[in-house]
Amino acid sequence: MKSLIILLIFFIGLITEIKSQNTIMNIHQTNGNVTQIPLNDIDSITYTINPELPTLNTLNVNNIGPTSASSGGEIINDGGSNIIQRGICWSLNSSPTVTDNISSDGTGIGIFSSDMYALTPNTTYFVRSYATNSVGTAYGNEISFNTTGNNW
């Protein structure tokens, strides 16, 4: 986002510098149309990025015991909108979602860790990370693991 702002500031400065030359700006639209605008008529430029779902990965499961385990995730890209919730979700069934068991591990991009509790010994679980922004909830890759047996 910072680089986009710097680019816009540079571009506006460049427009100011060449305005006196009656230069025409060609605006190429996604539908194939080209609009020409004299730079003398431009007061400001606003560029809007349509946000998308976040991009993330699920971290390997570790510290596996009979009733608990740890995992986490890495939010690689927020999709152009702030991450408002992140964590992991797990289930006895494949493709767990935020309607299953979840952890809530803060906001923002980067790496986070999570713990799963109240698991059943000797059981297969499926886990994946999730991240929610203004567009919706995205999921990381799914990992399956088996809890260990009781220690008694």
C-alpha atoms as a PDB file:
ATOM      1  CA  MET A   1       0.000   0.000   0.000  1.00  0.00           C
ATOM      2  CA  LYS A   2       2.897   2.381   0.818  1.00  0.00           C
ATOM      3  CA  SER A   3       4.439   1.804  -2.595  1.00  0.00           C
ATOM      4  CA  LEU A   4       1.087   2.596  -4.249  1.00  0.00           C
ATOM      5  CA  ILE A   5       0.855   5.885  -2.331  1.00  0.00           C
ATOM      6  CA  ILE A   6       4.453   6.780  -3.241  1.00  0.00           C
ATOM      7  CA  LEU A   7       3.718   5.944  -6.876  1.00  0.00           C
ATOM      8  CA  LEU A   8       0.614   8.167  -6.847  1.00  0.00           C
ATOM      9  CA  ILE A   9       2.539  11.049  -5.237  1.00  0.00           C
ATOM     10  CA  PHE A  10       5.252  10.673  -7.888  1.00  0.00           C
ATOM     11  CA  PHE A  11       2.643  10.525 -10.642  1.00  0.00           C
ATOM     12  CA  ILE A  12       0.823  13.627  -9.368  1.00  0.00           C
ATOM     13  CA  GLY A  13       4.168  15.453  -9.173  1.00  0.00           C
ATOM     14  CA  LEU A  14       4.941  14.373 -12.714  1.00  0.00           C
ATOM     15  CA  ILE A  15       1.539  15.627 -13.889  1.00  0.00           C
ATOM     16  CA  THR A  16       2.136  18.991 -12.216  1.00  0.00           C
ATOM     17  CA  GLU A  17       5.513  19.281 -13.930  1.00  0.00           C
ATOM     18  CA  ILE A  18       4.214  18.523 -17.429  1.00  0.00           C
ATOM     19  CA  LYS A  19       0.809  20.220 -17.192  1.00  0.00           C
ATOM     20  CA  SER A  20       2.081  23.315 -18.902  1.00  0.00           C
ATOM     21  CA  GLN A  21       2.978  21.254 -21.981  1.00  0.00           C
ATOM     22  CA  ASN A  22      -0.702  20.532 -22.917  1.00  0.00           C
ATOM     23  CA  THR A  23      -0.009  16.810 -22.725  1.00  0.00           C
ATOM     24  CA  ILE A  24      -2.865  14.348 -23.212  1.00  0.00           C
ATOM     25  CA  MET A  25      -3.343  11.397 -20.863  1.00  0.00           C
ATOM     26  CA  ASN A  26      -4.655   8.194 -22.420  1.00  0.00           C
ATOM     27  CA  ILE A  27      -6.748   6.135 -20.003  1.00  0.00           C
ATOM     28  CA  HIS A  28      -7.079   2.518 -21.132  1.00  0.00           C
ATOM     29  CA  GLN A  29     -10.131   0.814 -19.683  1.00  0.00           C
ATOM     30  CA  THR A  30     -10.648  -2.922 -19.224  1.00  0.00           C
ATOM     31  CA  ASN A  31     -13.479  -2.878 -21.800  1.00  0.00           C
ATOM     32  CA  GLY A  32     -11.019  -1.722 -24.487  1.00  0.00           C
ATOM     33  CA  ASN A  33     -12.084   1.920 -24.582  1.00  0.00           C
ATOM     34  CA  VAL A  34      -9.449   4.648 -24.465  1.00  0.00           C
ATOM     35  CA  THR A  35     -10.316   8.048 -23.021  1.00  0.00           C
ATOM     36  CA  GLN A  36      -8.090  11.039 -23.699  1.00  0.00           C
ATOM     37  CA  ILE A  37      -7.943  13.839 -21.136  1.00  0.00           C
ATOM     38  CA  PRO A  38      -5.744  16.951 -21.307  1.00  0.00           C
ATOM     39  CA  LEU A  39      -3.523  17.018 -18.225  1.00  0.00           C
ATOM     40  CA  ASN A  40      -4.496  20.670 -17.670  1.00  0.00           C
ATOM     41  CA  ASP A  41      -7.995  19.403 -16.787  1.00  0.00           C
ATOM     42  CA  ILE A  42      -6.822  16.970 -14.067  1.00  0.00           C
ATOM     43  CA  ASP A  43      -6.942  18.198 -10.457  1.00  0.00           C
ATOM     44  CA  SER A  44      -6.359  14.861  -8.723  1.00  0.00           C
ATOM     45  CA  ILE A  45      -6.134  11.150  -9.370  1.00  0.00           C
ATOM     46  CA  THR A  46      -7.789   8.460  -7.280  1.00  0.00           C
ATOM     47  CA  TYR A  47      -7.034   4.796  -7.826  1.00  0.00           C
ATOM     48  CA  THR A  48      -9.270   2.221  -6.167  1.00  0.00           C
ATOM     49  CA  ILE A  49      -8.235  -1.371  -5.582  1.00  0.00           C
ATOM     50  CA  ASN A  50     -11.093  -3.830  -5.235  1.00  0.00           C
ATOM     51  CA  PRO A  51     -10.304  -6.016  -2.227  1.00  0.00           C
ATOM     52  CA  GLU A  52     -10.093  -9.781  -2.544  1.00  0.00           C
ATOM     53  CA  LEU A  53      -9.987 -12.702  -0.133  1.00  0.00           C
ATOM     54  CA  PRO A  54      -6.761 -13.072   1.862  1.00  0.00           C
ATOM     55  CA  THR A  55      -4.017 -15.545   0.923  1.00  0.00           C
ATOM     56  CA  LEU A  56      -2.697 -17.820   3.683  1.00  0.00           C
ATOM     57  CA  ASN A  57      -0.985 -21.091   4.582  1.00  0.00           C
ATOM     58  CA  THR A  58      -1.557 -23.491   7.460  1.00  0.00           C
ATOM     59  CA  LEU A  59       1.463 -24.269   9.633  1.00  0.00           C
ATOM     60  CA  ASN A  60       2.408 -27.862  10.454  1.00  0.00           C
ATOM     61  CA  VAL A  61       0.766 -29.465  13.469  1.00  0.00           C
ATOM     62  CA  ASN A  62       3.114 -30.050  16.413  1.00  0.00           C
ATOM     63  CA  ASN A  63       3.045 -30.755  20.157  1.00  0.00           C
ATOM     64  CA  ILE A  64       0.507 -33.500  19.473  1.00  0.00           C
ATOM     65  CA  GLY A  65      -0.765 -35.167  22.634  1.00  0.00           C
ATOM     66  CA  PRO A  66      -3.809 -37.236  23.567  1.00  0.00           C
ATOM     67  CA  THR A  67      -6.082 -34.192  24.042  1.00  0.00           C
ATOM     68  CA  SER A  68      -4.228 -31.222  22.538  1.00  0.00           C
ATOM     69  CA  ALA A  69      -2.085 -30.086  19.609  1.00  0.00           C
ATOM     70  CA  SER A  70      -0.679 -26.859  18.132  1.00  0.00           C
ATOM     71  CA  SER A  71      -0.723 -25.348  14.669  1.00  0.00           C
ATOM     72  CA  GLY A  72      -1.155 -21.872  13.230  1.00  0.00           C
ATOM     73  CA  GLY A  73      -0.987 -19.989  10.007  1.00  0.00           C
ATOM     74  CA  GLU A  74       0.734 -17.370   7.939  1.00  0.00           C
ATOM     75  CA  ILE A  75      -1.288 -14.596   6.340  1.00  0.00           C
ATOM     76  CA  ILE A  76       0.702 -13.825   3.188  1.00  0.00           C
ATOM     77  CA  ASN A  77      -1.590 -11.174   1.694  1.00  0.00           C
ATOM     78  CA  ASP A  78      -4.581  -9.388   3.226  1.00  0.00           C
ATOM     79  CA  GLY A  79      -6.266  -9.065  -0.185  1.00  0.00           C
ATOM     80  CA  GLY A  80      -6.273  -5.275   0.006  1.00  0.00           C
ATOM     81  CA  SER A  81      -8.480  -5.165   3.111  1.00  0.00           C
ATOM     82  CA  ASN A  82      -7.497  -5.414   6.788  1.00  0.00           C
ATOM     83  CA  ILE A  83      -7.632  -8.851   8.410  1.00  0.00           C
ATOM     84  CA  ILE A  84     -10.289  -8.552  11.122  1.00  0.00           C
ATOM     85  CA  GLN A  85     -10.011 -12.126  12.453  1.00  0.00           C
ATOM     86  CA  ARG A  86      -7.597 -15.010  12.022  1.00  0.00           C
ATOM     87  CA  GLY A  87      -7.014 -18.405  13.570  1.00  0.00           C
ATOM     88  CA  ILE A  88      -7.370 -22.109  12.886  1.00  0.00           C
ATOM     89  CA  CYS A  89     -10.416 -24.323  12.563  1.00  0.00           C
ATOM     90  CA  TRP A  90     -10.500 -28.070  13.128  1.00  0.00           C
ATOM     91  CA  SER A  91     -12.922 -30.947  12.842  1.00  0.00           C
ATOM     92  CA  LEU A  92     -13.257 -34.710  12.622  1.00  0.00           C
ATOM     93  CA  ASN A  93     -14.320 -34.117   9.001  1.00  0.00           C
ATOM     94  CA  SER A  94     -12.317 -32.844   6.063  1.00  0.00           C
ATOM     95  CA  SER A  95     -12.540 -29.143   5.084  1.00  0.00           C
ATOM     96  CA  PRO A  96     -13.202 -27.596   8.504  1.00  0.00           C
ATOM     97  CA  THR A  97     -14.714 -24.098   8.529  1.00  0.00           C
ATOM     98  CA  VAL A  98     -15.314 -21.333  11.062  1.00  0.00           C
ATOM     99  CA  THR A  99     -18.597 -23.071  11.979  1.00  0.00           C
ATOM    100  CA  ASP A 100     -16.533 -25.923  13.483  1.00  0.00           C
ATOM    101  CA  ASN A 101     -14.051 -25.640  16.373  1.00  0.00           C
ATOM    102  CA  ILE A 102     -11.956 -22.479  16.042  1.00  0.00           C
ATOM    103  CA  SER A 103      -9.274 -20.431  17.711  1.00  0.00           C
ATOM    104  CA  SER A 104      -9.230 -16.667  17.384  1.00  0.00           C
ATOM    105  CA  ASP A 105      -5.682 -15.361  17.174  1.00  0.00           C
ATOM    106  CA  GLY A 106      -5.812 -11.638  16.528  1.00  0.00           C
ATOM    107  CA  THR A 107      -5.729  -9.561  13.371  1.00  0.00           C
ATOM    108  CA  GLY A 108      -3.325  -8.514  10.623  1.00  0.00           C
ATOM    109  CA  ILE A 109      -0.870 -10.276   8.356  1.00  0.00           C
ATOM    110  CA  GLY A 110       2.072 -12.445   9.418  1.00  0.00           C
ATOM    111  CA  ILE A 111       2.605 -15.681  11.325  1.00  0.00           C
ATOM    112  CA  PHE A 112       0.461 -16.747  14.274  1.00  0.00           C
ATOM    113  CA  SER A 113       0.265 -19.872  16.430  1.00  0.00           C
ATOM    114  CA  SER A 114      -2.775 -21.602  17.884  1.00  0.00           C
ATOM    115  CA  ASP A 115      -3.579 -24.385  20.305  1.00  0.00           C
ATOM    116  CA  MET A 116      -6.316 -26.987  20.070  1.00  0.00           C
ATOM    117  CA  TYR A 117      -7.716 -28.428  23.307  1.00  0.00           C
ATOM    118  CA  ALA A 118     -10.343 -30.986  24.384  1.00  0.00           C
ATOM    119  CA  LEU A 119      -9.363 -33.374  21.589  1.00  0.00           C
ATOM    120  CA  THR A 120     -10.124 -37.094  21.781  1.00  0.00           C
ATOM    121  CA  PRO A 121      -7.171 -39.534  22.121  1.00  0.00           C
ATOM    122  CA  ASN A 122      -6.303 -41.781  19.144  1.00  0.00           C
ATOM    123  CA  THR A 123      -8.423 -39.724  16.741  1.00  0.00           C
ATOM    124  CA  THR A 124      -7.808 -38.223  13.296  1.00  0.00           C
ATOM    125  CA  TYR A 125      -8.453 -34.469  13.014  1.00  0.00           C
ATOM    126  CA  PHE A 126      -8.378 -32.036  10.102  1.00  0.00           C
ATOM    127  CA  VAL A 127      -7.124 -28.484  10.599  1.00  0.00           C
ATOM    128  CA  ARG A 128      -6.624 -25.403   8.457  1.00  0.00           C
ATOM    129  CA  SER A 129      -5.969 -21.740   9.066  1.00  0.00           C
ATOM    130  CA  TYR A 130      -8.512 -19.050   8.280  1.00  0.00           C
ATOM    131  CA  ALA A 131      -8.479 -15.278   7.822  1.00  0.00           C
ATOM    132  CA  THR A 132     -11.404 -12.888   7.463  1.00  0.00           C
ATOM    133  CA  ASN A 133     -11.395  -9.463   5.792  1.00  0.00           C
ATOM    134  CA  SER A 134     -14.188  -7.247   4.411  1.00  0.00           C
ATOM    135  CA  VAL A 135     -14.674  -9.610   1.444  1.00  0.00           C
ATOM    136  CA  GLY A 136     -15.109 -12.794   3.477  1.00  0.00           C
ATOM    137  CA  THR A 137     -13.228 -15.725   4.993  1.00  0.00           C
ATOM    138  CA  ALA A 138     -10.430 -17.577   3.220  1.00  0.00           C
ATOM    139  CA  TYR A 139      -8.799 -20.843   4.282  1.00  0.00           C
ATOM    140  CA  GLY A 140      -5.271 -22.188   4.145  1.00  0.00           C
ATOM    141  CA  ASN A 141      -4.255 -25.684   3.124  1.00  0.00           C
ATOM    142  CA  GLU A 142      -5.687 -28.587   5.104  1.00  0.00           C
ATOM    143  CA  ILE A 143      -3.525 -30.787   7.339  1.00  0.00           C
ATOM    144  CA  SER A 144      -4.644 -34.004   9.022  1.00  0.00           C
ATOM    145  CA  PHE A 145      -3.095 -35.423  12.189  1.00  0.00           C
ATOM    146  CA  ASN A 146      -3.723 -38.150  14.769  1.00  0.00           C
ATOM    147  CA  THR A 147      -3.804 -37.518  18.489  1.00  0.00           C
ATOM    148  CA  THR A 148      -1.784 -39.917  20.630  1.00  0.00           C
ATOM    149  CA  GLY A 149      -3.179 -42.445  23.075  1.00  0.00           C
ATOM    150  CA  ASN A 150      -3.793 -41.758  26.759  1.00  0.00           C
ATOM    151  CA  ASN A 151      -0.736 -41.497  28.970  1.00  0.00           C
ATOM    152  CA  TRP A 152      -2.285 -43.396  31.912  1.00  0.00           C
END
